[in-house]
Amino acid sequence: EVQLVESGGGLVQAGGSLRLSCAHSGFAFDDYAIGWFRQAPGKEREGVSCFSSSDGSTYYADSVKGRFTISSDNAKNTVDLQMNSLKPEDTAVYYCAEGEYISSWLCSSPEYWGSWGQGTQVTVSS
């Protein structure tokens, strides 16, 4: 059974940084994909960043390019999202999800991802 647990959310001032972590377990295969998504109140869930373990490829939404970095820590079985230069519009609940592979289309389509974590709140004050 796939299990995903997010951590690292919190309250930060605009311009600050946070590091989110997605601890994963139970993958059936060595190759996997992890996507980070977020959902702000009253808005649809949107893709933020994705990582593929098969080739280390990554994807970033235009809104976070140059500010967020996704990485994998194999020793800890986590996929982390380093978020710098945070803006109030980054405020949302952030979720990680499990998939098989990534593409720009898939990373923008949360409905095609499998297991999800419970989410972690990120609040950026102005």
N, C-alpha and C. Protein backbone atom coordinates (compact mmCIF):
# COMPACT_ATOMS: atom_id res chain seq x y z
N GLU A 1 0.84 -1.19 0.00
CA GLU A 1 0.00 0.00 0.00
C GLU A 1 0.88 1.24 0.00
N VAL A 2 0.60 2.13 -0.96
CA VAL A 2 1.35 3.38 -1.04
C VAL A 2 0.91 4.32 0.07
N GLN A 3 1.87 4.90 0.74
CA GLN A 3 1.57 5.91 1.77
C GLN A 3 2.43 7.13 1.51
N LEU A 4 1.81 8.29 1.60
CA LEU A 4 2.48 9.57 1.42
C LEU A 4 2.14 10.47 2.60
N VAL A 5 3.16 11.10 3.17
CA VAL A 5 2.95 11.99 4.30
C VAL A 5 3.72 13.28 4.07
N GLU A 6 3.00 14.40 4.00
CA GLU A 6 3.64 15.69 3.81
C GLU A 6 3.97 16.32 5.16
N SER A 7 5.02 17.12 5.17
CA SER A 7 5.39 17.88 6.36
C SER A 7 6.13 19.13 5.93
N GLY A 8 6.27 20.06 6.86
CA GLY A 8 7.08 21.24 6.61
C GLY A 8 6.33 22.52 6.35
N GLY A 9 5.01 22.45 6.32
CA GLY A 9 4.25 23.67 6.09
C GLY A 9 4.32 24.59 7.29
N GLY A 10 3.79 25.81 7.11
CA GLY A 10 3.78 26.77 8.20
C GLY A 10 3.44 28.15 7.72
N LEU A 11 3.66 29.10 8.61
CA LEU A 11 3.40 30.52 8.32
C LEU A 11 4.74 31.21 8.11
N VAL A 12 4.83 31.96 7.02
CA VAL A 12 6.07 32.66 6.70
C VAL A 12 5.73 34.01 6.07
N GLN A 13 6.61 34.97 6.24
CA GLN A 13 6.40 36.27 5.61
C GLN A 13 6.79 36.21 4.14
N ALA A 14 6.21 37.09 3.37
CA ALA A 14 6.56 37.20 1.96
C ALA A 14 8.06 37.39 1.80
N GLY A 15 8.63 36.66 0.86
CA GLY A 15 10.07 36.69 0.65
C GLY A 15 10.82 35.61 1.39
N GLY A 16 10.13 34.93 2.30
CA GLY A 16 10.74 33.88 3.09
C GLY A 16 10.78 32.54 2.36
N SER A 17 11.22 31.52 3.10
CA SER A 17 11.40 30.19 2.53
C SER A 17 10.77 29.13 3.42
N LEU A 18 10.36 28.05 2.79
CA LEU A 18 9.91 26.85 3.49
C LEU A 18 10.38 25.64 2.70
N ARG A 19 10.57 24.55 3.40
CA ARG A 19 10.92 23.29 2.73
C ARG A 19 9.89 22.25 3.09
N LEU A 20 9.16 21.79 2.10
CA LEU A 20 8.17 20.73 2.29
C LEU A 20 8.81 19.39 1.99
N SER A 21 8.34 18.38 2.69
CA SER A 21 8.85 17.03 2.50
C SER A 21 7.68 16.07 2.30
N CYS A 22 7.83 15.16 1.36
CA CYS A 22 6.84 14.11 1.10
C CYS A 22 7.51 12.77 1.36
N ALA A 23 7.19 12.17 2.51
CA ALA A 23 7.73 10.85 2.84
C ALA A 23 6.87 9.79 2.17
N HIS A 24 7.50 8.90 1.43
CA HIS A 24 6.74 7.92 0.65
C HIS A 24 7.19 6.51 0.99
N SER A 25 6.25 5.58 0.87
CA SER A 25 6.53 4.18 1.09
C SER A 25 5.51 3.33 0.36
N GLY A 26 5.87 2.05 0.13
CA GLY A 26 4.92 1.12 -0.46
C GLY A 26 4.86 1.09 -1.96
N PHE A 27 5.82 1.75 -2.64
CA PHE A 27 5.79 1.70 -4.10
C PHE A 27 6.07 0.28 -4.58
N ALA A 28 5.33 -0.12 -5.60
CA ALA A 28 5.46 -1.48 -6.12
C ALA A 28 6.72 -1.63 -6.97
N PHE A 29 7.17 -0.54 -7.58
CA PHE A 29 8.31 -0.59 -8.47
C PHE A 29 9.38 0.41 -8.02
N ASP A 30 10.60 0.21 -8.49
CA ASP A 30 11.68 1.12 -8.13
C ASP A 30 11.48 2.50 -8.76
N ASP A 31 10.91 2.54 -9.96
CA ASP A 31 10.66 3.82 -10.62
C ASP A 31 9.30 4.36 -10.21
N TYR A 32 9.27 5.64 -9.93
CA TYR A 32 8.03 6.27 -9.50
C TYR A 32 8.08 7.75 -9.85
N ALA A 33 6.95 8.38 -9.73
CA ALA A 33 6.86 9.82 -9.91
C ALA A 33 6.14 10.41 -8.70
N ILE A 34 6.59 11.56 -8.29
CA ILE A 34 5.92 12.30 -7.21
C ILE A 34 5.58 13.69 -7.73
N GLY A 35 4.35 14.06 -7.52
CA GLY A 35 3.91 15.40 -7.90
C GLY A 35 3.53 16.20 -6.67
N TRP A 36 3.87 17.47 -6.69
CA TRP A 36 3.40 18.40 -5.66
C TRP A 36 2.29 19.25 -6.28
N PHE A 37 1.19 19.34 -5.59
CA PHE A 37 0.04 20.11 -6.03
C PHE A 37 -0.37 21.03 -4.88
N ARG A 38 -1.15 22.05 -5.19
CA ARG A 38 -1.65 22.92 -4.14
C ARG A 38 -3.08 23.35 -4.44
N GLN A 39 -3.79 23.67 -3.38
CA GLN A 39 -5.17 24.12 -3.53
C GLN A 39 -5.43 25.26 -2.56
N ALA A 40 -5.72 26.41 -3.12
CA ALA A 40 -6.08 27.57 -2.32
C ALA A 40 -7.59 27.59 -2.12
N PRO A 41 -8.07 28.26 -1.08
CA PRO A 41 -9.52 28.32 -0.83
C PRO A 41 -10.28 28.85 -2.04
N GLY A 42 -11.30 28.12 -2.44
CA GLY A 42 -12.13 28.55 -3.55
C GLY A 42 -11.54 28.33 -4.92
N LYS A 43 -10.39 27.69 -4.99
CA LYS A 43 -9.73 27.46 -6.27
C LYS A 43 -9.54 25.97 -6.51
N GLU A 44 -9.32 25.62 -7.78
CA GLU A 44 -9.07 24.23 -8.12
C GLU A 44 -7.63 23.85 -7.73
N ARG A 45 -7.46 22.55 -7.53
CA ARG A 45 -6.13 22.05 -7.25
C ARG A 45 -5.26 22.21 -8.50
N GLU A 46 -4.03 22.68 -8.31
CA GLU A 46 -3.16 22.91 -9.44
C GLU A 46 -1.79 22.27 -9.24
N GLY A 47 -1.17 21.91 -10.34
CA GLY A 47 0.16 21.32 -10.27
C GLY A 47 1.22 22.36 -9.98
N VAL A 48 2.18 22.00 -9.15
CA VAL A 48 3.27 22.90 -8.78
C VAL A 48 4.59 22.38 -9.34
N SER A 49 4.90 21.12 -9.06
CA SER A 49 6.18 20.56 -9.49
C SER A 49 6.10 19.05 -9.45
N CYS A 50 6.86 18.39 -10.34
CA CYS A 50 6.87 16.94 -10.41
C CYS A 50 8.29 16.43 -10.52
N PHE A 51 8.47 15.19 -10.08
CA PHE A 51 9.78 14.54 -10.14
C PHE A 51 9.62 13.10 -10.58
N SER A 52 10.50 12.68 -11.48
CA SER A 52 10.51 11.29 -11.92
C SER A 52 11.79 10.63 -11.44
N SER A 53 11.65 9.50 -10.74
CA SER A 53 12.84 8.82 -10.21
C SER A 53 13.60 8.06 -11.31
N SER A 54 12.93 7.75 -12.42
CA SER A 54 13.58 6.93 -13.45
C SER A 54 14.75 7.65 -14.12
N ASP A 55 14.59 8.98 -14.32
CA ASP A 55 15.65 9.73 -14.97
C ASP A 55 15.96 11.06 -14.28
N GLY A 56 15.32 11.30 -13.15
CA GLY A 56 15.57 12.54 -12.41
C GLY A 56 14.95 13.77 -13.04
N SER A 57 14.09 13.58 -14.02
CA SER A 57 13.49 14.74 -14.69
C SER A 57 12.53 15.45 -13.76
N THR A 58 12.37 16.73 -14.00
CA THR A 58 11.52 17.55 -13.16
C THR A 58 10.64 18.45 -14.01
N TYR A 59 9.60 18.96 -13.38
CA TYR A 59 8.69 19.90 -14.04
C TYR A 59 8.31 20.96 -13.02
N TYR A 60 8.17 22.18 -13.50
CA TYR A 60 7.71 23.27 -12.63
C TYR A 60 6.63 24.07 -13.34
N ALA A 61 5.61 24.44 -12.59
CA ALA A 61 4.63 25.37 -13.12
C ALA A 61 5.30 26.72 -13.34
N ASP A 62 4.82 27.46 -14.32
CA ASP A 62 5.42 28.76 -14.62
C ASP A 62 5.42 29.68 -13.41
N SER A 63 4.39 29.56 -12.59
CA SER A 63 4.24 30.46 -11.45
C SER A 63 5.32 30.26 -10.37
N VAL A 64 6.01 29.12 -10.41
CA VAL A 64 7.01 28.84 -9.37
C VAL A 64 8.43 28.65 -9.92
N LYS A 65 8.57 28.69 -11.24
CA LYS A 65 9.90 28.51 -11.83
C LYS A 65 10.88 29.55 -11.30
N GLY A 66 12.07 29.08 -10.96
CA GLY A 66 13.10 29.98 -10.43
C GLY A 66 12.99 30.22 -8.95
N ARG A 67 11.89 29.81 -8.33
CA ARG A 67 11.70 30.01 -6.90
C ARG A 67 11.63 28.69 -6.14
N PHE A 68 11.05 27.68 -6.75
CA PHE A 68 10.89 26.37 -6.11
C PHE A 68 11.85 25.37 -6.74
N THR A 69 12.32 24.42 -5.92
CA THR A 69 13.18 23.35 -6.39
C THR A 69 12.72 22.03 -5.79
N ILE A 70 12.51 21.04 -6.65
CA ILE A 70 12.10 19.72 -6.20
C ILE A 70 13.32 18.81 -6.23
N SER A 71 13.43 17.94 -5.22
CA SER A 71 14.59 17.04 -5.15
C SER A 71 14.20 15.78 -4.40
N SER A 72 14.99 14.74 -4.61
CA SER A 72 14.74 13.45 -3.97
C SER A 72 15.86 13.12 -3.00
N ASP A 73 15.49 12.63 -1.84
CA ASP A 73 16.45 12.13 -0.85
C ASP A 73 16.21 10.64 -0.70
N ASN A 74 17.00 9.84 -1.41
CA ASN A 74 16.77 8.40 -1.40
C ASN A 74 17.02 7.77 -0.04
N ALA A 75 17.92 8.33 0.73
CA ALA A 75 18.22 7.78 2.06
C ALA A 75 17.02 7.92 2.99
N LYS A 76 16.27 9.00 2.80
CA LYS A 76 15.12 9.26 3.67
C LYS A 76 13.81 8.86 3.02
N ASN A 77 13.85 8.45 1.75
CA ASN A 77 12.62 8.15 1.02
C ASN A 77 11.67 9.35 1.03
N THR A 78 12.22 10.49 0.68
CA THR A 78 11.39 11.69 0.58
C THR A 78 11.62 12.39 -0.76
N VAL A 79 10.64 13.13 -1.18
CA VAL A 79 10.77 14.08 -2.28
C VAL A 79 10.42 15.44 -1.70
N ASP A 80 11.39 16.34 -1.73
CA ASP A 80 11.25 17.62 -1.04
C ASP A 80 10.99 18.74 -2.03
N LEU A 81 10.34 19.78 -1.52
CA LEU A 81 10.06 20.97 -2.33
C LEU A 81 10.60 22.17 -1.57
N GLN A 82 11.71 22.70 -2.04
CA GLN A 82 12.29 23.90 -1.45
C GLN A 82 11.61 25.11 -2.07
N MET A 83 11.01 25.93 -1.24
CA MET A 83 10.25 27.07 -1.73
C MET A 83 10.90 28.35 -1.23
N ASN A 84 11.42 29.13 -2.14
CA ASN A 84 12.08 30.39 -1.81
C ASN A 84 11.29 31.56 -2.38
N SER A 85 11.59 32.74 -1.90
CA SER A 85 10.93 33.97 -2.39
C SER A 85 9.42 33.80 -2.40
N LEU A 86 8.90 33.31 -1.32
CA LEU A 86 7.46 33.03 -1.25
C LEU A 86 6.63 34.29 -1.36
N LYS A 87 5.47 34.13 -2.00
CA LYS A 87 4.55 35.24 -2.22
C LYS A 87 3.21 34.90 -1.56
N PRO A 88 2.43 35.91 -1.22
CA PRO A 88 1.10 35.63 -0.63
C PRO A 88 0.26 34.71 -1.51
N GLU A 89 0.41 34.80 -2.82
CA GLU A 89 -0.37 33.94 -3.71
C GLU A 89 0.07 32.48 -3.69
N ASP A 90 1.16 32.17 -2.99
CA ASP A 90 1.57 30.78 -2.80
C ASP A 90 0.80 30.12 -1.65
N THR A 91 0.02 30.90 -0.92
CA THR A 91 -0.75 30.36 0.18
C THR A 91 -1.74 29.31 -0.30
N ALA A 92 -1.66 28.13 0.28
CA ALA A 92 -2.51 27.01 -0.14
C ALA A 92 -2.21 25.81 0.75
N VAL A 93 -3.03 24.79 0.60
CA VAL A 93 -2.69 23.47 1.14
C VAL A 93 -1.91 22.75 0.05
N TYR A 94 -0.76 22.25 0.43
CA TYR A 94 0.12 21.57 -0.51
C TYR A 94 0.02 20.06 -0.29
N TYR A 95 -0.15 19.34 -1.40
CA TYR A 95 -0.29 17.90 -1.37
C TYR A 95 0.77 17.26 -2.25
N CYS A 96 1.21 16.06 -1.88
CA CYS A 96 2.01 15.27 -2.81
C CYS A 96 1.19 14.06 -3.22
N ALA A 97 1.48 13.58 -4.43
CA ALA A 97 0.74 12.46 -5.00
C ALA A 97 1.70 11.56 -5.74
N GLU A 98 1.28 10.33 -5.92
CA GLU A 98 2.11 9.31 -6.55
C GLU A 98 1.64 9.03 -7.96
N GLY A 99 2.61 8.84 -8.85
CA GLY A 99 2.29 8.51 -10.23
C GLY A 99 3.34 7.61 -10.82
N GLU A 100 3.25 7.35 -12.11
CA GLU A 100 4.18 6.45 -12.78
C GLU A 100 5.25 7.20 -13.56
N TYR A 101 4.88 8.28 -14.19
CA TYR A 101 5.83 9.08 -14.96
C TYR A 101 5.31 10.50 -15.03
N ILE A 102 6.12 11.40 -15.58
CA ILE A 102 5.69 12.79 -15.60
C ILE A 102 5.77 13.35 -17.01
N SER A 103 4.97 14.37 -17.22
CA SER A 103 5.01 15.19 -18.42
C SER A 103 4.41 16.53 -18.01
N SER A 104 4.59 17.54 -18.82
CA SER A 104 4.02 18.84 -18.46
C SER A 104 2.51 18.74 -18.34
N TRP A 105 1.91 17.92 -19.20
CA TRP A 105 0.46 17.76 -19.16
C TRP A 105 0.02 17.03 -17.88
N LEU A 106 0.70 15.93 -17.56
CA LEU A 106 0.35 15.17 -16.36
C LEU A 106 0.57 15.99 -15.10
N CYS A 107 1.63 16.76 -15.07
CA CYS A 107 1.94 17.52 -13.86
C CYS A 107 0.95 18.66 -13.65
N SER A 108 0.13 18.94 -14.64
CA SER A 108 -0.90 19.95 -14.52
C SER A 108 -2.28 19.34 -14.34
N SER A 109 -2.34 18.02 -14.20
CA SER A 109 -3.62 17.31 -14.19
C SER A 109 -3.73 16.43 -12.95
N PRO A 110 -4.13 16.97 -11.82
CA PRO A 110 -4.17 16.18 -10.58
C PRO A 110 -5.11 14.98 -10.65
N GLU A 111 -6.10 15.02 -11.54
CA GLU A 111 -7.07 13.92 -11.60
C GLU A 111 -6.47 12.61 -12.09
N TYR A 112 -5.26 12.66 -12.65
CA TYR A 112 -4.65 11.45 -13.18
C TYR A 112 -3.58 10.85 -12.25
N TRP A 113 -3.51 11.38 -11.03
CA TRP A 113 -2.53 10.86 -10.08
C TRP A 113 -3.20 9.91 -9.11
N GLY A 114 -2.41 9.03 -8.52
CA GLY A 114 -2.93 7.96 -7.68
C GLY A 114 -3.10 8.36 -6.24
N SER A 115 -2.31 7.76 -5.36
CA SER A 115 -2.45 8.02 -3.92
C SER A 115 -1.99 9.43 -3.58
N TRP A 116 -2.66 10.00 -2.56
CA TRP A 116 -2.38 11.36 -2.12
C TRP A 116 -2.07 11.38 -0.64
N GLY A 117 -1.27 12.35 -0.24
CA GLY A 117 -1.07 12.60 1.17
C GLY A 117 -2.20 13.44 1.73
N GLN A 118 -2.11 13.76 3.02
CA GLN A 118 -3.19 14.49 3.69
C GLN A 118 -3.07 16.00 3.50
N GLY A 119 -1.94 16.47 3.04
CA GLY A 119 -1.74 17.89 2.80
C GLY A 119 -1.08 18.61 3.96
N THR A 120 -0.41 19.72 3.64
CA THR A 120 0.21 20.57 4.65
C THR A 120 -0.05 22.02 4.28
N GLN A 121 -0.44 22.82 5.27
CA GLN A 121 -0.83 24.21 5.01
C GLN A 121 0.41 25.10 4.90
N VAL A 122 0.43 25.91 3.86
CA VAL A 122 1.45 26.95 3.70
C VAL A 122 0.73 28.29 3.65
N THR A 123 1.10 29.18 4.54
CA THR A 123 0.50 30.51 4.58
C THR A 123 1.61 31.55 4.49
N VAL A 124 1.49 32.43 3.49
CA VAL A 124 2.48 33.48 3.28
C VAL A 124 1.81 34.81 3.54
N SER A 125 2.31 35.51 4.54
CA SER A 125 1.73 36.81 4.90
C SER A 125 2.44 37.93 4.17
N SER A 126 1.68 38.98 3.87
CA SER A 126 2.25 40.11 3.11
C SER A 126 2.86 41.15 4.05
